[in-house]
Amino acid sequence: MKAKQAIRISNHKFKLSKFNTVYSDKSTEENNDLKERLENDIEQISSLQNKLFAENRQSLLIIFQGMDSAGKDGTIKHIMKGVNPQGVEVISFKHPSIQELEHDYLWRHNIKLPKSGQIVIFNRSHYENVLISKVHPELVLAERLHGYDKLSSIDKVFWKLRYNQINYFERRNIETGTQILKFFLHLSKDEQCKRFLDRINNQDKHWKFSSADIEERKYWVAYQQAYEQAIKHTSTKQAPWHIIPADDKLYARMLIGRIILEKLQEMKPVFPPKTKAEQEYMLKARASLEKEISH
């Protein structure tokens, strides 16, 4: 299976409801060797991440969005398990703090962007400001924006402006050396129901359960509309959205892993070369160290 089976959105003519949350073309052969393919990709990701860290010239930002229980945490944990922890950081954005609300909504995301040589994963991201904030526009009022002091002022023009701000934010980072991958884990409402029940019925998963998740489930239709609009307006040629059918966790992880691997291969990180003087010094150092061991 190739990564092209994930839906890469790079145009504005689509309806989220038309995309499946499961795979309809699975074969027995694919299913049998799926884990092996995933593990092989993870091994290659680790190797390329090591080069990226050593090269220290470019970086990668990976964005995960999806409904509660879509599999974001498990995917991150599984795919990034073999990487050098010095070169990877996972950021989970919660409700903004008082300090964060004193700045524009992109500030807290901007200060967490990857450094050169680093991979940073946003588990939820700046897109929450056009997702949960769109479903619950009263959250925008908490930002105390000039000219937006009542719900009626948060209109289509406001959201279009915010989409444009996000596109500019991402384009600026790409132009300055940070590549961006965006994944939407497309989960069905029925599968979310099963996963919530599993968390309730399995004591070892009680820690994952949140009453807030159940409350937000009531806004399912509104969230689907918010995701559709966000993807439609922010899927660009430089940073397209990848819609990942998420009902099958293993297939979702395989596709995401393959896309990450392909992006790293495209970035072509290399170990930094040694100068002639450094190479000569290394040869002398090796001779000296080997002589030391022999005695």
Protein backbone atom coordinates (compact mmCIF):
# COMPACT_ATOMS: atom_id res chain seq x y z
CA MET A 1 0.00 0.00 0.00
CA LYS A 2 1.28 3.44 -0.89
CA ALA A 3 0.69 6.75 0.86
CA LYS A 4 -1.37 7.97 -2.08
CA GLN A 5 -4.28 5.99 -0.64
CA ALA A 6 -4.54 8.69 2.00
CA ILE A 7 -6.52 11.57 0.55
CA ARG A 8 -4.33 14.60 -0.05
CA ILE A 9 -6.50 17.68 -0.26
CA SER A 10 -5.00 20.45 -2.34
CA ASN A 11 -8.16 22.00 -3.79
CA HIS A 12 -11.32 23.56 -2.41
CA LYS A 13 -13.91 21.36 -4.12
CA PHE A 14 -14.71 18.59 -1.69
CA LYS A 15 -17.21 17.46 0.92
CA LEU A 16 -15.87 15.73 4.01
CA SER A 17 -18.97 13.55 4.22
CA LYS A 18 -18.04 11.94 0.89
CA PHE A 19 -14.81 10.48 2.27
CA ASN A 20 -14.78 7.07 3.91
CA THR A 21 -13.52 6.56 7.45
CA VAL A 22 -12.61 2.94 6.61
CA TYR A 23 -10.72 1.25 3.77
CA SER A 24 -12.82 -0.51 1.17
CA ASP A 25 -9.93 -2.07 -0.78
CA LYS A 26 -8.08 -4.05 1.87
CA SER A 27 -6.70 -7.37 0.65
CA THR A 28 -5.60 -10.39 2.66
CA GLU A 29 -2.06 -9.99 1.38
CA GLU A 30 -1.91 -6.35 2.49
CA ASN A 31 -3.37 -7.17 5.87
CA ASN A 32 -0.83 -9.93 6.50
CA ASP A 33 2.28 -7.83 5.94
CA LEU A 34 0.93 -4.48 7.16
CA LYS A 35 2.74 -4.56 10.50
CA GLU A 36 6.00 -5.51 8.82
CA ARG A 37 5.70 -2.57 6.41
CA LEU A 38 4.96 -0.19 9.25
CA GLU A 39 7.92 -1.36 11.31
CA ASN A 40 10.21 -1.03 8.29
CA ASP A 41 8.99 2.54 7.71
CA ILE A 42 9.50 3.41 11.38
CA GLU A 43 13.08 2.16 11.16
CA GLN A 44 13.73 4.37 8.12
CA ILE A 45 12.06 7.36 9.81
CA SER A 46 14.43 6.93 12.74
CA SER A 47 17.46 6.85 10.46
CA LEU A 48 16.41 9.97 8.56
CA GLN A 49 15.50 11.80 11.77
CA ASN A 50 19.00 11.13 13.05
CA LYS A 51 20.44 12.73 9.91
CA LEU A 52 18.03 15.66 10.19
CA PHE A 53 19.17 16.29 13.77
CA ALA A 54 22.85 16.05 12.86
CA GLU A 55 22.46 18.24 9.76
CA ASN A 56 20.78 20.98 11.83
CA ARG A 57 19.64 23.01 8.80
CA GLN A 58 15.95 22.23 8.33
CA SER A 59 13.03 21.07 10.44
CA LEU A 60 9.65 19.36 10.25
CA LEU A 61 6.34 20.28 11.89
CA ILE A 62 3.72 17.51 12.00
CA ILE A 63 0.14 18.49 12.83
CA PHE A 64 -2.49 16.03 14.05
CA GLN A 65 -6.15 16.97 14.20
CA GLY A 66 -9.22 14.81 14.68
CA MET A 67 -12.22 14.18 16.86
CA ASP A 68 -11.71 12.82 20.37
CA SER A 69 -10.52 9.17 20.31
CA ALA A 70 -9.49 9.40 16.65
CA GLY A 71 -6.12 7.85 17.56
CA LYS A 72 -3.78 10.84 17.63
CA ASP A 73 -1.94 9.85 20.84
CA GLY A 74 -1.49 6.21 19.87
CA THR A 75 -0.27 7.08 16.39
CA ILE A 76 2.33 9.52 17.71
CA LYS A 77 3.53 7.05 20.33
CA HIS A 78 3.83 4.19 17.88
CA ILE A 79 5.39 5.88 14.85
CA MET A 80 7.90 8.01 16.76
CA LYS A 81 8.99 5.27 19.18
CA GLY A 82 12.40 4.76 17.58
CA VAL A 83 13.52 8.35 17.15
CA ASN A 84 16.18 10.23 19.08
CA PRO A 85 14.27 12.05 21.86
CA GLN A 86 16.75 14.93 21.62
CA GLY A 87 15.46 15.75 18.17
CA VAL A 88 11.71 15.27 18.64
CA GLU A 89 9.16 17.07 20.78
CA VAL A 90 5.41 16.51 21.12
CA ILE A 91 3.28 19.50 22.11
CA SER A 92 -0.33 19.04 23.24
CA PHE A 93 -2.22 22.31 23.25
CA LYS A 94 -4.95 22.63 25.85
CA HIS A 95 -7.18 25.58 26.72
CA PRO A 96 -5.04 28.75 26.52
CA SER A 97 -3.67 30.08 29.80
CA ILE A 98 -4.16 33.62 31.08
CA GLN A 99 -0.68 34.51 29.81
CA GLU A 100 -1.40 33.03 26.38
CA LEU A 101 -4.64 34.99 26.11
CA GLU A 102 -2.60 38.16 26.55
CA HIS A 103 -1.11 37.50 23.11
CA ASP A 104 -2.58 36.80 19.67
CA TYR A 105 -3.86 33.26 19.17
CA LEU A 106 -0.84 32.16 17.11
CA TRP A 107 1.72 33.29 19.70
CA ARG A 108 1.74 30.12 21.79
CA HIS A 109 2.11 27.99 18.67
CA ASN A 110 4.83 30.19 17.21
CA ILE A 111 7.08 29.80 20.28
CA LYS A 112 6.78 26.00 20.07
CA LEU A 113 7.84 25.68 16.44
CA PRO A 114 10.75 23.31 15.77
CA LYS A 115 14.33 24.45 15.95
CA SER A 116 16.73 23.56 13.16
CA GLY A 117 17.23 19.80 13.02
CA GLN A 118 14.11 19.09 15.06
CA ILE A 119 10.79 17.37 14.46
CA VAL A 120 7.92 18.89 16.44
CA ILE A 121 4.49 17.29 16.62
CA PHE A 122 1.44 19.40 17.42
CA ASN A 123 -1.17 17.13 18.99
CA ARG A 124 -3.99 19.53 18.22
CA SER A 125 -2.71 22.87 17.04
CA HIS A 126 -3.44 26.39 15.88
CA TYR A 127 -6.35 24.84 13.99
CA GLU A 128 -8.30 24.64 17.23
CA ASN A 129 -8.84 28.37 16.68
CA VAL A 130 -11.01 27.61 13.64
CA LEU A 131 -12.48 24.37 14.99
CA ILE A 132 -13.55 24.40 18.63
CA SER A 133 -13.63 28.19 18.49
CA LYS A 134 -15.99 28.00 15.54
CA VAL A 135 -18.26 25.51 17.27
CA HIS A 136 -18.07 27.60 20.46
CA PRO A 137 -17.54 31.20 19.25
CA GLU A 138 -17.73 32.50 22.82
CA LEU A 139 -14.11 31.33 23.08
CA VAL A 140 -13.18 34.03 20.58
CA LEU A 141 -14.65 36.67 22.87
CA ALA A 142 -12.19 35.53 25.56
CA GLU A 143 -9.38 36.71 23.28
CA ARG A 144 -10.61 40.29 23.77
CA LEU A 145 -10.04 41.24 20.15
CA HIS A 146 -10.69 44.84 19.17
CA GLY A 147 -13.98 45.11 17.31
CA TYR A 148 -15.18 41.66 18.35
CA ASP A 149 -17.06 42.14 21.58
CA LYS A 150 -20.26 40.27 20.73
CA LEU A 151 -21.07 36.96 19.05
CA SER A 152 -22.79 38.60 16.10
CA SER A 153 -19.48 40.22 15.09
CA ILE A 154 -17.85 36.81 14.61
CA ASP A 155 -19.09 36.28 11.07
CA LYS A 156 -17.93 34.72 7.78
CA VAL A 157 -15.54 37.61 7.18
CA PHE A 158 -13.88 36.94 10.55
CA TRP A 159 -13.33 33.24 9.77
CA LYS A 160 -12.01 33.97 6.28
CA LEU A 161 -9.50 36.38 7.82
CA ARG A 162 -8.42 33.72 10.32
CA TYR A 163 -7.95 31.09 7.61
CA ASN A 164 -5.76 33.56 5.70
CA GLN A 165 -3.72 34.27 8.84
CA ILE A 166 -3.09 30.54 9.31
CA ASN A 167 -2.07 30.14 5.66
CA TYR A 168 0.38 33.03 5.99
CA PHE A 169 1.75 31.62 9.25
CA GLU A 170 2.44 28.27 7.60
CA ARG A 171 3.81 29.73 4.37
CA ARG A 172 6.27 31.90 6.29
CA ASN A 173 7.58 28.90 8.20
CA ILE A 174 7.93 26.77 5.08
CA GLU A 175 9.86 29.56 3.37
CA THR A 176 12.27 29.75 6.31
CA GLY A 177 13.08 26.04 6.44
CA THR A 178 10.28 24.26 8.33
CA GLN A 179 8.35 21.71 6.29
CA ILE A 180 4.77 21.01 7.40
CA LEU A 181 2.66 17.84 7.35
CA LYS A 182 -1.02 18.07 8.29
CA PHE A 183 -3.10 15.01 9.15
CA PHE A 184 -6.83 14.88 9.78
CA LEU A 185 -7.79 11.53 11.35
CA HIS A 186 -11.25 11.00 9.87
CA LEU A 187 -13.26 8.98 12.41
CA SER A 188 -16.88 7.86 12.14
CA LYS A 189 -19.38 8.65 14.87
CA ASP A 190 -20.13 4.95 15.35
CA GLU A 191 -16.44 4.12 15.85
CA GLN A 192 -16.06 6.96 18.33
CA CYS A 193 -19.00 5.51 20.27
CA LYS A 194 -17.27 2.10 20.43
CA ARG A 195 -14.00 3.63 21.61
CA PHE A 196 -15.70 5.68 24.31
CA LEU A 197 -17.49 2.54 25.56
CA ASP A 198 -14.15 0.70 25.58
CA ARG A 199 -12.69 3.42 27.78
CA ILE A 200 -15.61 3.14 30.17
CA ASN A 201 -15.65 -0.67 30.30
CA ASN A 202 -11.86 -1.13 30.53
CA GLN A 203 -10.50 0.00 33.88
CA ASP A 204 -6.99 0.41 32.44
CA LYS A 205 -8.41 3.01 30.05
CA HIS A 206 -10.42 5.03 32.56
CA TRP A 207 -7.68 7.65 32.60
CA LYS A 208 -8.44 8.36 28.94
CA PHE A 209 -12.11 9.05 29.60
CA SER A 210 -13.27 12.64 29.89
CA SER A 211 -16.79 13.90 30.47
CA ALA A 212 -15.88 16.84 28.22
CA ASP A 213 -15.42 14.40 25.32
CA ILE A 214 -18.98 13.17 25.75
CA GLU A 215 -20.30 16.71 25.87
CA GLU A 216 -18.44 17.67 22.70
CA ARG A 217 -19.85 14.60 20.94
CA LYS A 218 -23.22 16.38 21.02
CA TYR A 219 -21.76 18.88 18.54
CA TRP A 220 -20.65 16.23 16.06
CA VAL A 221 -22.33 17.79 13.02
CA ALA A 222 -21.00 21.25 13.84
CA TYR A 223 -17.47 19.87 14.18
CA GLN A 224 -17.70 18.06 10.85
CA GLN A 225 -18.74 21.32 9.21
CA ALA A 226 -15.92 23.20 10.95
CA TYR A 227 -13.34 20.64 9.82
CA GLU A 228 -14.65 20.73 6.27
CA GLN A 229 -14.36 24.52 6.09
CA ALA A 230 -10.93 24.57 7.75
CA ILE A 231 -9.53 21.95 5.39
CA LYS A 232 -11.13 23.59 2.39
CA HIS A 233 -9.59 27.00 3.15
CA THR A 234 -6.17 25.95 4.48
CA SER A 235 -5.14 23.04 2.26
CA THR A 236 -2.46 24.63 0.11
CA LYS A 237 0.07 23.39 -2.42
CA GLN A 238 2.88 23.90 0.12
CA ALA A 239 0.96 22.41 3.06
CA PRO A 240 -1.92 20.18 1.92
CA TRP A 241 -4.15 18.30 4.31
CA HIS A 242 -4.00 14.50 4.36
CA ILE A 243 -7.34 12.94 5.27
CA ILE A 244 -6.63 9.63 7.00
CA PRO A 245 -9.47 7.09 7.36
CA ALA A 246 -9.12 6.46 11.08
CA ASP A 247 -11.60 3.70 11.97
CA ASP A 248 -8.84 1.12 11.46
CA LYS A 249 -5.95 2.20 13.70
CA LEU A 250 -3.33 -0.02 12.10
CA TYR A 251 -4.06 1.14 8.56
CA ALA A 252 -4.14 4.76 9.72
CA ARG A 253 -0.73 4.41 11.34
CA MET A 254 0.71 2.74 8.25
CA LEU A 255 -0.45 5.55 5.99
CA ILE A 256 0.76 8.30 8.32
CA GLY A 257 4.11 6.58 8.78
CA ARG A 258 4.56 6.25 5.03
CA ILE A 259 3.72 9.93 4.42
CA ILE A 260 6.16 11.05 7.13
CA LEU A 261 8.84 8.80 5.62
CA GLU A 262 8.23 10.18 2.13
CA LYS A 263 8.46 13.77 3.41
CA LEU A 264 11.77 13.08 5.17
CA GLN A 265 13.11 11.41 2.02
CA GLU A 266 12.04 14.48 0.05
CA MET A 267 13.92 16.72 2.52
CA LYS A 268 17.11 14.66 1.92
CA PRO A 269 18.89 15.32 5.22
CA VAL A 270 22.57 14.36 5.30
CA PHE A 271 25.25 14.11 7.95
CA PRO A 272 27.37 17.28 7.94
CA PRO A 273 30.64 16.79 6.01
CA LYS A 274 34.02 16.99 7.71
CA THR A 275 36.62 19.45 6.47
CA LYS A 276 39.96 18.16 5.24
CA ALA A 277 41.62 19.47 8.41
CA GLU A 278 39.09 17.64 10.61
CA GLN A 279 39.55 14.40 8.66
CA GLU A 280 43.31 14.61 9.08
CA TYR A 281 42.90 15.26 12.80
CA MET A 282 40.56 12.26 13.11
CA LEU A 283 43.16 10.00 11.53
CA LYS A 284 45.81 11.21 13.98
CA ALA A 285 43.39 10.84 16.89
CA ARG A 286 42.53 7.28 15.85
CA ALA A 287 46.20 6.32 15.66
CA SER A 288 46.84 7.85 19.08
CA LEU A 289 43.81 6.16 20.67
CA GLU A 290 44.61 2.76 19.15
CA LYS A 291 48.18 3.05 20.44
CA GLU A 292 46.79 3.86 23.89
CA ILE A 293 44.58 0.75 23.84
CA SER A 294 47.46 -1.50 22.72
CA HIS A 295 49.42 -0.50 25.80
